[in-house]
């Protein structure tokens, strides 16, 4: 049984709307009109999605470079009733919790994978 299902891939950037429009055109997907200035979703067929998050002070990656390596994080959906169990499982696999959901006030928890890349377990219905 899968621990979680893929929700979206999130790219940090200085201008989410501009980058979302670029990828929407490249992929022939649709920019979600409900998006905010800080977070923009691009929706594709079959429920596929890319998201773009405003990151003040964003330093773009340089290829190839270890000084400015590629940056992104994954949002993974988990049913609310499985969130604690999913957390236990990802930690057993080598993840580390770095930001809680503040006692349920936020709908996500942030972790680092074994290599240090951030990802979120997000509550879904």
Protein backbone atom coordinates (compact mmCIF):
# COMPACT_ATOMS: atom_id res chain seq x y z
CA UNK A 1 0.00 0.00 0.00
CA UNK A 2 1.32 3.44 -0.90
CA UNK A 3 2.11 5.78 2.00
CA UNK A 4 0.87 8.80 0.01
CA UNK A 5 -0.24 9.90 -3.46
CA UNK A 6 1.35 12.64 -5.55
CA UNK A 7 -0.35 16.02 -5.29
CA UNK A 8 1.88 18.56 -7.05
CA UNK A 9 5.49 19.47 -7.79
CA UNK A 10 6.24 22.97 -6.47
CA UNK A 11 8.89 25.25 -7.93
CA UNK A 12 10.10 28.24 -5.90
CA UNK A 13 10.53 31.39 -7.99
CA UNK A 14 10.43 35.19 -7.79
CA UNK A 15 7.29 35.59 -9.97
CA UNK A 16 4.87 32.62 -9.74
CA UNK A 17 2.36 34.00 -12.24
CA UNK A 18 4.97 34.55 -14.93
CA UNK A 19 6.57 31.12 -14.49
CA UNK A 20 3.15 29.44 -14.35
CA UNK A 21 2.12 31.06 -17.61
CA UNK A 22 5.38 29.91 -19.22
CA UNK A 23 4.81 26.27 -18.24
CA UNK A 24 1.11 26.45 -19.08
CA UNK A 25 2.05 27.45 -22.60
CA UNK A 26 4.86 24.92 -22.88
CA UNK A 27 2.63 22.07 -21.71
CA UNK A 28 -0.69 23.38 -23.09
CA UNK A 29 -2.08 23.25 -19.55
CA UNK A 30 -4.26 25.82 -17.76
CA UNK A 31 -3.33 28.38 -15.11
CA UNK A 32 -5.81 28.04 -12.24
CA UNK A 33 -7.73 31.34 -12.02
CA UNK A 34 -8.23 30.76 -8.25
CA UNK A 35 -4.47 31.05 -7.62
CA UNK A 36 -3.02 33.80 -5.45
CA UNK A 37 -0.08 36.10 -6.08
CA UNK A 38 2.16 33.93 -3.87
CA UNK A 39 1.03 30.51 -5.16
CA UNK A 40 -0.08 29.64 -8.70
CA UNK A 41 -1.23 26.21 -9.91
CA UNK A 42 -1.06 24.95 -13.49
CA UNK A 43 -3.48 22.09 -14.15
CA UNK A 44 -3.02 19.42 -16.78
CA UNK A 45 -4.87 16.35 -17.99
CA UNK A 46 -5.56 13.47 -15.64
CA UNK A 47 -5.22 15.62 -12.52
CA UNK A 48 -1.58 16.46 -13.16
CA UNK A 49 -0.43 19.73 -11.60
CA UNK A 50 2.59 21.98 -11.28
CA UNK A 51 2.64 24.74 -8.67
CA UNK A 52 4.77 27.84 -8.36
CA UNK A 53 5.51 29.46 -5.01
CA UNK A 54 6.84 32.98 -4.50
CA UNK A 55 10.26 32.96 -2.91
CA UNK A 56 11.66 36.41 -2.07
CA UNK A 57 15.42 36.28 -2.38
CA UNK A 58 15.22 33.31 -4.74
CA UNK A 59 18.62 32.31 -6.12
CA UNK A 60 18.16 30.49 -9.42
CA UNK A 61 19.96 27.20 -9.97
CA UNK A 62 22.99 27.10 -12.23
CA UNK A 63 23.60 23.99 -14.25
CA UNK A 64 25.79 22.25 -13.33
CA UNK A 65 26.74 23.84 -10.03
CA UNK A 66 26.82 22.71 -6.45
CA UNK A 67 26.80 26.34 -5.26
CA UNK A 68 23.37 27.06 -6.79
CA UNK A 69 21.87 23.60 -7.12
CA UNK A 70 18.39 22.88 -8.45
CA UNK A 71 15.65 23.51 -5.85
CA UNK A 72 12.09 22.18 -5.54
CA UNK A 73 9.84 20.34 -3.11
CA UNK A 74 7.09 17.75 -3.40
CA UNK A 75 3.60 17.96 -1.86
CA UNK A 76 2.21 14.49 -1.18
CA UNK A 77 -1.47 13.97 -0.29
CA UNK A 78 -2.44 11.87 2.72
CA UNK A 79 -5.98 11.36 4.09
CA UNK A 80 -6.33 13.23 7.40
CA UNK A 81 -7.00 10.03 9.34
CA UNK A 82 -3.69 8.55 8.07
CA UNK A 83 -1.46 11.59 8.63
CA UNK A 84 0.14 10.40 11.88
CA UNK A 85 0.65 6.90 10.47
CA UNK A 86 2.13 8.31 7.25
CA UNK A 87 4.49 10.49 9.28
CA UNK A 88 5.69 7.46 11.23
CA UNK A 89 6.28 5.54 7.99
CA UNK A 90 8.25 8.29 6.22
CA UNK A 91 10.39 8.82 9.32
CA UNK A 92 11.09 5.09 9.43
CA UNK A 93 12.22 5.37 5.81
CA UNK A 94 14.72 8.09 6.73
CA UNK A 95 12.77 11.38 6.60
CA UNK A 96 13.09 14.05 9.28
CA UNK A 97 10.26 16.33 10.43
CA UNK A 98 11.31 19.98 10.20
CA UNK A 99 7.94 21.79 10.59
CA UNK A 100 4.82 20.42 12.24
CA UNK A 101 1.25 21.29 11.31
CA UNK A 102 1.03 23.41 14.50
CA UNK A 103 -1.45 21.10 16.18
CA UNK A 104 -3.58 20.79 13.05
CA UNK A 105 -3.76 24.55 12.34
CA UNK A 106 -2.03 23.99 8.99
CA UNK A 107 -2.97 21.29 6.52
CA UNK A 108 0.60 20.10 5.98
CA UNK A 109 3.79 18.99 7.70
CA UNK A 110 7.25 19.58 6.24
CA UNK A 111 10.01 16.96 6.16
CA UNK A 112 13.47 16.48 4.73
CA UNK A 113 14.10 13.33 2.72
CA UNK A 114 17.27 11.33 3.42
CA UNK A 115 19.24 13.55 1.02
CA UNK A 116 17.90 16.78 2.54
CA UNK A 117 15.26 17.73 -0.05
CA UNK A 118 12.08 19.17 1.49
CA UNK A 119 8.65 17.60 0.96
CA UNK A 120 5.26 18.02 2.59
CA UNK A 121 2.62 15.56 3.70
CA UNK A 122 -0.59 17.45 2.92
CA UNK A 123 -4.01 16.59 4.34
CA UNK A 124 -6.51 15.67 1.63
CA UNK A 125 -10.20 14.81 1.80
